[in-house]
C-alpha atoms as a PDB file:
ATOM      1  CA  UNK A   1      -2.828   8.381  -0.907  1.00  0.00           C
ATOM      2  CA  UNK A   2       0.858   7.748  -1.896  1.00  0.00           C
ATOM      3  CA  UNK A   3       1.167   5.319  -4.847  1.00  0.00           C
ATOM      4  CA  UNK A   4       3.714   2.939  -6.205  1.00  0.00           C
ATOM      5  CA  UNK A   5       6.565   4.671  -7.435  1.00  0.00           C
ATOM      6  CA  UNK A   6       6.205   7.584  -5.373  1.00  0.00           C
ATOM      7  CA  UNK A   7       9.344   8.923  -3.553  1.00  0.00           C
ATOM      8  CA  UNK A   8       9.007   9.584   0.143  1.00  0.00           C
ATOM      9  CA  UNK A   9      11.215  11.209   2.728  1.00  0.00           C
ATOM     10  CA  UNK A  10      11.444   9.219   5.773  1.00  0.00           C
ATOM     11  CA  UNK A  11      11.724  11.101   9.074  1.00  0.00           C
ATOM     12  CA  UNK A  12      13.139   9.245  12.053  1.00  0.00           C
ATOM     13  CA  UNK A  13      12.590  10.996  15.502  1.00  0.00           C
ATOM     14  CA  UNK A  14      11.263  14.026  14.004  1.00  0.00           C
ATOM     15  CA  UNK A  15      14.425  14.326  11.598  1.00  0.00           C
ATOM     16  CA  UNK A  16      14.824  13.730   7.921  1.00  0.00           C
ATOM     17  CA  UNK A  17      16.910  10.606   7.644  1.00  0.00           C
ATOM     18  CA  UNK A  18      16.561   9.044   4.165  1.00  0.00           C
ATOM     19  CA  UNK A  19      14.851   8.801   0.913  1.00  0.00           C
ATOM     20  CA  UNK A  20      12.894   5.760  -0.316  1.00  0.00           C
ATOM     21  CA  UNK A  21      10.701   4.765  -3.311  1.00  0.00           C
ATOM     22  CA  UNK A  22       7.478   2.954  -2.703  1.00  0.00           C
ATOM     23  CA  UNK A  23       7.934  -0.268  -4.608  1.00  0.00           C
ATOM     24  CA  UNK A  24       4.453  -1.674  -3.946  1.00  0.00           C
ATOM     25  CA  UNK A  25       1.344  -1.416  -1.684  1.00  0.00           C
ATOM     26  CA  UNK A  26      -0.513  -4.628  -0.813  1.00  0.00           C
ATOM     27  CA  UNK A  27      -3.762  -5.225   1.125  1.00  0.00           C
ATOM     28  CA  UNK A  28      -2.514  -7.080   4.560  1.00  0.00           C
ATOM     29  CA  UNK A  29      -4.443  -9.815   6.079  1.00  0.00           C
ATOM     30  CA  UNK A  30      -5.256  -7.448   8.903  1.00  0.00           C
ATOM     31  CA  UNK A  31      -8.233  -5.349   7.640  1.00  0.00           C
ATOM     32  CA  UNK A  32      -7.528  -1.624   6.990  1.00  0.00           C
ATOM     33  CA  UNK A  33      -3.736  -2.291   6.995  1.00  0.00           C
ATOM     34  CA  UNK A  34      -1.103  -2.385   4.061  1.00  0.00           C
ATOM     35  CA  UNK A  35       2.128  -3.958   3.341  1.00  0.00           C
ATOM     36  CA  UNK A  36       4.371  -1.269   1.967  1.00  0.00           C
ATOM     37  CA  UNK A  37       7.529  -2.186   0.194  1.00  0.00           C
ATOM     38  CA  UNK A  38      10.016   0.625   0.341  1.00  0.00           C
ATOM     39  CA  UNK A  39      13.509   0.853  -1.712  1.00  0.00           C
ATOM     40  CA  UNK A  40      15.754   2.888   0.687  1.00  0.00           C
ATOM     41  CA  UNK A  41      18.207   5.092  -1.562  1.00  0.00           C
ATOM     42  CA  UNK A  42      21.417   4.190   0.105  1.00  0.00           C
ATOM     43  CA  UNK A  43      24.585   2.330  -0.836  1.00  0.00           C
ATOM     44  CA  UNK A  44      23.856  -0.323  -0.829  1.00  0.00           C
ATOM     45  CA  UNK A  45      20.172  -0.054  -1.410  1.00  0.00           C
ATOM     46  CA  UNK A  46      17.641  -2.272   0.344  1.00  0.00           C
ATOM     47  CA  UNK A  47      14.137  -3.002   0.602  1.00  0.00           C
ATOM     48  CA  UNK A  48      12.139  -3.205   3.756  1.00  0.00           C
ATOM     49  CA  UNK A  49       8.481  -3.873   4.429  1.00  0.00           C
ATOM     50  CA  UNK A  50       6.351  -2.006   6.694  1.00  0.00           C
ATOM     51  CA  UNK A  51       2.706  -2.694   7.592  1.00  0.00           C
ATOM     52  CA  UNK A  52       1.041   0.444   7.716  1.00  0.00           C
ATOM     53  CA  UNK A  53      -2.578   2.090   7.783  1.00  0.00           C
ATOM     54  CA  UNK A  54      -3.608   4.423   4.999  1.00  0.00           C
ATOM     55  CA  UNK A  55      -3.170   7.570   7.300  1.00  0.00           C
ATOM     56  CA  UNK A  56       0.596   6.659   7.950  1.00  0.00           C
ATOM     57  CA  UNK A  57       1.320   6.044   4.254  1.00  0.00           C
ATOM     58  CA  UNK A  58      -0.120   9.525   3.814  1.00  0.00           C
ATOM     59  CA  UNK A  59       2.144  11.389   6.303  1.00  0.00           C
ATOM     60  CA  UNK A  60       0.578  10.781   9.736  1.00  0.00           C
ATOM     61  CA  UNK A  61       3.342   9.878  12.536  1.00  0.00           C
ATOM     62  CA  UNK A  62       3.617   6.337  13.709  1.00  0.00           C
ATOM     63  CA  UNK A  63       6.270   4.514  15.931  1.00  0.00           C
ATOM     64  CA  UNK A  64       8.360   1.576  15.585  1.00  0.00           C
ATOM     65  CA  UNK A  65       9.696   0.312  18.926  1.00  0.00           C
ATOM     66  CA  UNK A  66       8.591   3.597  20.345  1.00  0.00           C
ATOM     67  CA  UNK A  67      10.587   5.492  17.834  1.00  0.00           C
ATOM     68  CA  UNK A  68       8.449   8.213  16.032  1.00  0.00           C
ATOM     69  CA  UNK A  69       8.595   7.845  12.251  1.00  0.00           C
ATOM     70  CA  UNK A  70       6.832   9.668   9.482  1.00  0.00           C
ATOM     71  CA  UNK A  71       6.599   9.422   5.574  1.00  0.00           C
ATOM     72  CA  UNK A  72       6.494  12.634   3.634  1.00  0.00           C
ATOM     73  CA  UNK A  73       5.852  12.464  -0.187  1.00  0.00           C
ATOM     74  CA  UNK A  74       8.375  14.343  -2.140  1.00  0.00           C
ATOM     75  CA  UNK A  75       7.051  16.510  -4.996  1.00  0.00           C
ATOM     76  CA  UNK A  76       8.995  15.592  -8.007  1.00  0.00           C
ATOM     77  CA  UNK A  77       9.743  18.614 -10.252  1.00  0.00           C
ATOM     78  CA  UNK A  78      10.765  18.673 -14.054  1.00  0.00           C
ATOM     79  CA  UNK A  79      13.704  20.771 -15.432  1.00  0.00           C
ATOM     80  CA  UNK A  80      11.017  23.675 -15.665  1.00  0.00           C
ATOM     81  CA  UNK A  81      10.135  23.508 -12.089  1.00  0.00           C
ATOM     82  CA  UNK A  82       6.628  22.248 -12.681  1.00  0.00           C
ATOM     83  CA  UNK A  83       5.325  19.398 -10.545  1.00  0.00           C
ATOM     84  CA  UNK A  84       6.654  16.350 -12.770  1.00  0.00           C
ATOM     85  CA  UNK A  85       2.995  14.666 -12.357  1.00  0.00           C
ATOM     86  CA  UNK A  86       0.828  17.438 -13.521  1.00  0.00           C
ATOM     87  CA  UNK A  87       3.301  18.197 -16.273  1.00  0.00           C
ATOM     88  CA  UNK A  88       3.079  14.491 -17.361  1.00  0.00           C
ATOM     89  CA  UNK A  89      -0.747  14.641 -17.300  1.00  0.00           C
ATOM     90  CA  UNK A  90      -0.831  17.834 -19.305  1.00  0.00           C
ATOM     91  CA  UNK A  91       1.780  16.592 -21.826  1.00  0.00           C
ATOM     92  CA  UNK A  92      -0.287  13.509 -22.266  1.00  0.00           C
ATOM     93  CA  UNK A  93      -3.553  15.357 -22.690  1.00  0.00           C
ATOM     94  CA  UNK A  94      -1.624  17.521 -25.503  1.00  0.00           C
ATOM     95  CA  UNK A  95      -0.192  14.384 -27.170  1.00  0.00           C
ATOM     96  CA  UNK A  96      -3.499  12.677 -27.326  1.00  0.00           C
ATOM     97  CA  UNK A  97      -4.306  14.057 -30.966  1.00  0.00           C
ATOM     98  CA  UNK A  98      -0.770  13.327 -32.280  1.00  0.00           C
ATOM     99  CA  UNK A  99       0.664  10.060 -33.684  1.00  0.00           C
ATOM    100  CA  UNK A 100       3.183   8.401 -31.483  1.00  0.00           C
ATOM    101  CA  UNK A 101       6.654   8.077 -33.104  1.00  0.00           C
ATOM    102  CA  UNK A 102       8.568   4.707 -32.774  1.00  0.00           C
ATOM    103  CA  UNK A 103      11.165   4.760 -29.754  1.00  0.00           C
ATOM    104  CA  UNK A 104      14.636   5.245 -30.295  1.00  0.00           C
ATOM    105  CA  UNK A 105      16.916   2.760 -28.861  1.00  0.00           C
ATOM    106  CA  UNK A 106      20.118   4.126 -27.100  1.00  0.00           C
ATOM    107  CA  UNK A 107      23.040   1.807 -26.564  1.00  0.00           C
ATOM    108  CA  UNK A 108      24.898   2.048 -23.149  1.00  0.00           C
ATOM    109  CA  UNK A 109      28.064   0.267 -24.379  1.00  0.00           C
ATOM    110  CA  UNK A 110      30.035   0.415 -27.499  1.00  0.00           C
ATOM    111  CA  UNK A 111      29.012  -2.330 -30.124  1.00  0.00           C
ATOM    112  CA  UNK A 112      31.561  -5.148 -30.230  1.00  0.00           C
ATOM    113  CA  UNK A 113      33.991  -5.114 -33.120  1.00  0.00           C
ATOM    114  CA  UNK A 114      33.043  -7.806 -35.581  1.00  0.00           C
ATOM    115  CA  UNK A 115      35.491 -10.723 -35.946  1.00  0.00           C
ATOM    116  CA  UNK A 116      36.450 -11.788 -39.334  1.00  0.00           C
END
């Protein structure tokens, strides 16, 4: 099943129309259904909530107002062309025996000049 943080391509009437990230998947009050919050990658970005069954989250076509819609998981690749999920799990396994180094903090703005 697709998970929170996954990127999906939304097909609208059989054509790819937008990318979105799954922000959350929560159980709905109706058994077998989930409330899925999607962040649509657009300008401006926006969140939508769809109530879907698991098979719809996993790519089976469904309809909204008789319009066919489908979600397709986008396999993320790293700079080496590897599937990012597999690469992260391999990297995690190789780093299990090493000691973590402290994180480096990077400033995104110039430090303010000190006033005298």
